[in-house]
Amino acid sequence: MSSSQRPGADATVTAVSTAVTGRLEELGLDLEAVELTPAGKRRVLRIAVDKDGGVSLDDVAAATRAINETIDTSDAMGEHPYTLEVTSRGVDRPLTEPRHWRRNRSRLVKVTLVDGTAVTGRIGDADEEQVSLDVDGTARAVPYADVKKALVQIEFNRKDHD
């Protein structure tokens, strides 16, 4: 979760996250990010959601309605005007949770390890502790604790690898 540098923004992001998480879970969605940024006299509240199999437009619409209802009945945003944007997790977001790895199975990923080395491979099986990467035809187990940063690579001519 992130926020702008304005005082109180972190508390607002935490309050919004707490308020909407349960409602999103009822819809089968995971809360991936909450960002609050100033936009003139208003603020933009951007909430990213995801689920296994990806998020549809219907999912985003249902999440938007649920978030609006939840925020309107809570004091999470206070009295300040805001614009709500609900979005799905973009491919440019780092893989930070085991579910991110599972949801990107067979995708090419560039991983920077905590020791500074970089590994590029295709995501295989992933559990709660580690992921298996196919690196040039060789399986390599990578514990999440060893991952500093991981980004899915865009493949324009990707052939189905599942």
C-alpha atoms as a PDB file:
ATOM      1  CA  MET A   1       0.000   0.000   0.000  1.00  0.00           C
ATOM      2  CA  SER A   2       1.328   3.429  -0.771  1.00  0.00           C
ATOM      3  CA  SER A   3       0.319   7.039  -0.412  1.00  0.00           C
ATOM      4  CA  SER A   4       1.399  10.553  -1.131  1.00  0.00           C
ATOM      5  CA  GLN A   5       3.835  12.352   1.149  1.00  0.00           C
ATOM      6  CA  ARG A   6       1.103  14.460   2.772  1.00  0.00           C
ATOM      7  CA  PRO A   7       0.614  14.046   6.534  1.00  0.00           C
ATOM      8  CA  GLY A   8      -2.261  11.723   7.341  1.00  0.00           C
ATOM      9  CA  ALA A   9      -2.172  10.022   3.951  1.00  0.00           C
ATOM     10  CA  ASP A  10      -0.683   6.821   5.438  1.00  0.00           C
ATOM     11  CA  ALA A  11      -3.429   6.711   8.072  1.00  0.00           C
ATOM     12  CA  THR A  12      -6.079   7.209   5.388  1.00  0.00           C
ATOM     13  CA  VAL A  13      -4.596   4.440   3.213  1.00  0.00           C
ATOM     14  CA  THR A  14      -4.576   2.109   6.227  1.00  0.00           C
ATOM     15  CA  ALA A  15      -8.175   3.035   7.114  1.00  0.00           C
ATOM     16  CA  VAL A  16      -9.365   2.455   3.531  1.00  0.00           C
ATOM     17  CA  SER A  17      -7.475  -0.854   3.307  1.00  0.00           C
ATOM     18  CA  THR A  18      -9.011  -2.052   6.557  1.00  0.00           C
ATOM     19  CA  ALA A  19     -12.487  -0.913   5.524  1.00  0.00           C
ATOM     20  CA  VAL A  20     -12.571  -2.541   2.064  1.00  0.00           C
ATOM     21  CA  THR A  21     -10.552  -5.758   2.457  1.00  0.00           C
ATOM     22  CA  GLY A  22     -13.378  -7.889   3.868  1.00  0.00           C
ATOM     23  CA  ARG A  23     -15.909  -6.656   1.322  1.00  0.00           C
ATOM     24  CA  LEU A  24     -13.517  -7.405  -1.559  1.00  0.00           C
ATOM     25  CA  GLU A  25     -12.844 -10.885  -0.163  1.00  0.00           C
ATOM     26  CA  GLU A  26     -16.621 -11.524  -0.249  1.00  0.00           C
ATOM     27  CA  LEU A  27     -16.425 -10.833  -4.000  1.00  0.00           C
ATOM     28  CA  GLY A  28     -13.494 -13.255  -4.368  1.00  0.00           C
ATOM     29  CA  LEU A  29     -11.010 -10.408  -4.907  1.00  0.00           C
ATOM     30  CA  ASP A  30      -7.668  -9.641  -3.290  1.00  0.00           C
ATOM     31  CA  LEU A  31      -6.736  -6.078  -2.384  1.00  0.00           C
ATOM     32  CA  GLU A  32      -3.383  -5.507  -4.090  1.00  0.00           C
ATOM     33  CA  ALA A  33      -2.707  -1.805  -3.583  1.00  0.00           C
ATOM     34  CA  VAL A  34      -4.225   1.391  -2.249  1.00  0.00           C
ATOM     35  CA  GLU A  35      -2.748   4.683  -3.440  1.00  0.00           C
ATOM     36  CA  LEU A  36      -3.869   8.133  -2.420  1.00  0.00           C
ATOM     37  CA  THR A  37      -2.552  11.105  -4.378  1.00  0.00           C
ATOM     38  CA  PRO A  38      -3.474  14.798  -4.413  1.00  0.00           C
ATOM     39  CA  ALA A  39      -5.238  16.122  -7.515  1.00  0.00           C
ATOM     40  CA  GLY A  40      -6.015  19.795  -7.068  1.00  0.00           C
ATOM     41  CA  LYS A  41      -8.704  20.248  -4.402  1.00  0.00           C
ATOM     42  CA  ARG A  42      -9.591  16.568  -4.604  1.00  0.00           C
ATOM     43  CA  ARG A  43      -7.644  13.394  -3.999  1.00  0.00           C
ATOM     44  CA  VAL A  44      -7.446  10.325  -6.223  1.00  0.00           C
ATOM     45  CA  LEU A  45      -7.990   7.046  -4.404  1.00  0.00           C
ATOM     46  CA  ARG A  46      -6.652   4.274  -6.645  1.00  0.00           C
ATOM     47  CA  ILE A  47      -7.381   0.711  -5.573  1.00  0.00           C
ATOM     48  CA  ALA A  48      -5.926  -2.301  -7.393  1.00  0.00           C
ATOM     49  CA  VAL A  49      -7.631  -5.689  -7.111  1.00  0.00           C
ATOM     50  CA  ASP A  50      -6.806  -9.139  -8.447  1.00  0.00           C
ATOM     51  CA  LYS A  51      -7.993 -12.745  -8.324  1.00  0.00           C
ATOM     52  CA  ASP A  52      -7.027 -16.150  -9.641  1.00  0.00           C
ATOM     53  CA  GLY A  53      -7.722 -16.247 -13.362  1.00  0.00           C
ATOM     54  CA  GLY A  54      -7.571 -12.468 -13.696  1.00  0.00           C
ATOM     55  CA  VAL A  55     -10.037  -9.649 -13.161  1.00  0.00           C
ATOM     56  CA  SER A  56     -12.893  -8.972 -15.595  1.00  0.00           C
ATOM     57  CA  LEU A  57     -14.669  -5.682 -16.223  1.00  0.00           C
ATOM     58  CA  ASP A  58     -17.626  -7.076 -14.265  1.00  0.00           C
ATOM     59  CA  ASP A  59     -15.282  -7.733 -11.325  1.00  0.00           C
ATOM     60  CA  VAL A  60     -14.008  -4.142 -11.462  1.00  0.00           C
ATOM     61  CA  ALA A  61     -17.577  -2.804 -11.620  1.00  0.00           C
ATOM     62  CA  ALA A  62     -18.656  -4.946  -8.647  1.00  0.00           C
ATOM     63  CA  ALA A  63     -15.552  -3.902  -6.698  1.00  0.00           C
ATOM     64  CA  THR A  64     -16.216  -0.229  -7.467  1.00  0.00           C
ATOM     65  CA  ARG A  65     -19.794  -0.483  -6.156  1.00  0.00           C
ATOM     66  CA  ALA A  66     -18.693  -2.368  -3.031  1.00  0.00           C
ATOM     67  CA  ILE A  67     -15.836   0.052  -2.300  1.00  0.00           C
ATOM     68  CA  ASN A  68     -18.105   3.083  -2.790  1.00  0.00           C
ATOM     69  CA  GLU A  69     -20.717   1.636  -0.409  1.00  0.00           C
ATOM     70  CA  THR A  70     -18.087   0.717   2.169  1.00  0.00           C
ATOM     71  CA  ILE A  71     -16.306   4.059   2.096  1.00  0.00           C
ATOM     72  CA  ASP A  72     -19.595   5.998   2.146  1.00  0.00           C
ATOM     73  CA  THR A  73     -20.632   4.191   5.347  1.00  0.00           C
ATOM     74  CA  SER A  74     -17.235   4.550   7.041  1.00  0.00           C
ATOM     75  CA  ASP A  75     -15.107   7.547   7.932  1.00  0.00           C
ATOM     76  CA  ALA A  76     -12.036   6.137   6.154  1.00  0.00           C
ATOM     77  CA  MET A  77     -11.773   9.069   3.716  1.00  0.00           C
ATOM     78  CA  GLY A  78     -13.016  11.715   6.125  1.00  0.00           C
ATOM     79  CA  GLU A  79     -14.869  14.687   4.655  1.00  0.00           C
ATOM     80  CA  HIS A  80     -12.372  15.390   1.875  1.00  0.00           C
ATOM     81  CA  PRO A  81     -13.613  14.998  -1.720  1.00  0.00           C
ATOM     82  CA  TYR A  82     -11.998  12.211  -3.715  1.00  0.00           C
ATOM     83  CA  THR A  83     -12.173  10.401  -7.018  1.00  0.00           C
ATOM     84  CA  LEU A  84     -12.198   6.607  -6.857  1.00  0.00           C
ATOM     85  CA  GLU A  85     -10.361   4.540  -9.467  1.00  0.00           C
ATOM     86  CA  VAL A  86     -10.553   0.754  -9.270  1.00  0.00           C
ATOM     87  CA  THR A  87      -8.128  -1.133 -11.456  1.00  0.00           C
ATOM     88  CA  SER A  88      -6.572  -4.540 -11.900  1.00  0.00           C
ATOM     89  CA  ARG A  89      -2.976  -5.325 -11.083  1.00  0.00           C
ATOM     90  CA  GLY A  90      -0.763  -4.279 -13.994  1.00  0.00           C
ATOM     91  CA  VAL A  91       1.944  -6.431 -15.526  1.00  0.00           C
ATOM     92  CA  ASP A  92       4.503  -3.846 -14.452  1.00  0.00           C
ATOM     93  CA  ARG A  93       3.865  -4.453 -10.756  1.00  0.00           C
ATOM     94  CA  PRO A  94       6.481  -6.540  -8.944  1.00  0.00           C
ATOM     95  CA  LEU A  95       5.657 -10.079  -7.837  1.00  0.00           C
ATOM     96  CA  THR A  96       5.619  -9.806  -4.049  1.00  0.00           C
ATOM     97  CA  GLU A  97       3.212 -12.495  -2.836  1.00  0.00           C
ATOM     98  CA  PRO A  98       3.040 -16.257  -3.502  1.00  0.00           C
ATOM     99  CA  ARG A  99      -0.343 -15.732  -5.225  1.00  0.00           C
ATOM    100  CA  HIS A 100       1.330 -13.349  -7.715  1.00  0.00           C
ATOM    101  CA  TRP A 101       3.704 -16.124  -8.757  1.00  0.00           C
ATOM    102  CA  ARG A 102       0.877 -18.692  -9.066  1.00  0.00           C
ATOM    103  CA  ARG A 103      -1.193 -16.320 -11.170  1.00  0.00           C
ATOM    104  CA  ASN A 104       1.703 -15.771 -13.568  1.00  0.00           C
ATOM    105  CA  ARG A 105       2.580 -19.439 -14.109  1.00  0.00           C
ATOM    106  CA  SER A 106       4.361 -20.001 -17.457  1.00  0.00           C
ATOM    107  CA  ARG A 107       5.206 -16.306 -17.809  1.00  0.00           C
ATOM    108  CA  LEU A 108       8.792 -15.130 -18.260  1.00  0.00           C
ATOM    109  CA  VAL A 109      10.109 -13.292 -15.197  1.00  0.00           C
ATOM    110  CA  LYS A 110      13.297 -11.397 -14.397  1.00  0.00           C
ATOM    111  CA  VAL A 111      14.312 -11.907 -10.787  1.00  0.00           C
ATOM    112  CA  THR A 112      16.918  -9.890  -8.916  1.00  0.00           C
ATOM    113  CA  LEU A 113      18.133 -11.862  -5.934  1.00  0.00           C
ATOM    114  CA  VAL A 114      19.179 -10.343  -2.620  1.00  0.00           C
ATOM    115  CA  ASP A 115      22.804 -11.236  -3.416  1.00  0.00           C
ATOM    116  CA  GLY A 116      22.587  -8.983  -6.498  1.00  0.00           C
ATOM    117  CA  THR A 117      22.492 -11.667  -9.188  1.00  0.00           C
ATOM    118  CA  ALA A 118      19.771 -11.606 -11.828  1.00  0.00           C
ATOM    119  CA  VAL A 119      17.937 -14.666 -13.115  1.00  0.00           C
ATOM    120  CA  THR A 120      15.486 -14.801 -16.009  1.00  0.00           C
ATOM    121  CA  GLY A 121      13.257 -17.826 -16.292  1.00  0.00           C
ATOM    122  CA  ARG A 122       9.754 -19.106 -16.853  1.00  0.00           C
ATOM    123  CA  ILE A 123       7.553 -19.492 -13.768  1.00  0.00           C
ATOM    124  CA  GLY A 124       6.650 -23.070 -12.892  1.00  0.00           C
ATOM    125  CA  ASP A 125       5.161 -24.423  -9.685  1.00  0.00           C
ATOM    126  CA  ALA A 126       4.864 -21.973  -6.817  1.00  0.00           C
ATOM    127  CA  ASP A 127       3.918 -22.629  -3.209  1.00  0.00           C
ATOM    128  CA  GLU A 128       3.961 -20.490  -0.085  1.00  0.00           C
ATOM    129  CA  GLU A 129       7.771 -20.712   0.331  1.00  0.00           C
ATOM    130  CA  GLN A 130       9.351 -20.799  -3.127  1.00  0.00           C
ATOM    131  CA  VAL A 131       8.917 -20.817  -6.886  1.00  0.00           C
ATOM    132  CA  SER A 132      10.393 -23.108  -9.507  1.00  0.00           C
ATOM    133  CA  LEU A 133      11.871 -21.281 -12.489  1.00  0.00           C
ATOM    134  CA  ASP A 134      12.762 -22.880 -15.801  1.00  0.00           C
ATOM    135  CA  VAL A 135      16.085 -21.226 -16.596  1.00  0.00           C
ATOM    136  CA  ASP A 136      17.277 -22.307 -20.038  1.00  0.00           C
ATOM    137  CA  GLY A 137      15.681 -25.751 -19.630  1.00  0.00           C
ATOM    138  CA  THR A 138      16.888 -26.318 -16.068  1.00  0.00           C
ATOM    139  CA  ALA A 139      14.523 -26.129 -13.082  1.00  0.00           C
ATOM    140  CA  ARG A 140      15.759 -23.818 -10.343  1.00  0.00           C
ATOM    141  CA  ALA A 141      14.032 -23.514  -6.965  1.00  0.00           C
ATOM    142  CA  VAL A 142      14.056 -19.934  -5.718  1.00  0.00           C
ATOM    143  CA  PRO A 143      12.894 -19.223  -2.153  1.00  0.00           C
ATOM    144  CA  TYR A 144      10.877 -16.000  -1.922  1.00  0.00           C
ATOM    145  CA  ALA A 145      13.199 -14.910   0.897  1.00  0.00           C
ATOM    146  CA  ASP A 146      16.008 -14.746  -1.697  1.00  0.00           C
ATOM    147  CA  VAL A 147      14.043 -12.470  -4.065  1.00  0.00           C
ATOM    148  CA  LYS A 148      14.781  -8.763  -3.944  1.00  0.00           C
ATOM    149  CA  LYS A 149      12.650  -7.857  -6.993  1.00  0.00           C
ATOM    150  CA  ALA A 150      10.722  -9.793  -9.627  1.00  0.00           C
ATOM    151  CA  LEU A 151       9.010  -8.447 -12.743  1.00  0.00           C
ATOM    152  CA  VAL A 152       7.090 -10.296 -15.427  1.00  0.00           C
ATOM    153  CA  GLN A 153       8.644  -9.683 -18.836  1.00  0.00           C
ATOM    154  CA  ILE A 154       6.507  -8.602 -21.774  1.00  0.00           C
ATOM    155  CA  GLU A 155       6.647 -11.153 -24.580  1.00  0.00           C
ATOM    156  CA  PHE A 156       5.210  -9.940 -27.875  1.00  0.00           C
ATOM    157  CA  ASN A 157       5.704 -13.235 -29.742  1.00  0.00           C
ATOM    158  CA  ARG A 158       4.970 -15.523 -26.819  1.00  0.00           C
ATOM    159  CA  LYS A 159       3.910 -19.046 -27.625  1.00  0.00           C
ATOM    160  CA  ASP A 160       1.657 -20.839 -25.154  1.00  0.00           C
ATOM    161  CA  HIS A 161       3.914 -22.678 -22.693  1.00  0.00           C
ATOM    162  CA  ASP A 162       1.279 -24.388 -20.542  1.00  0.00           C
END
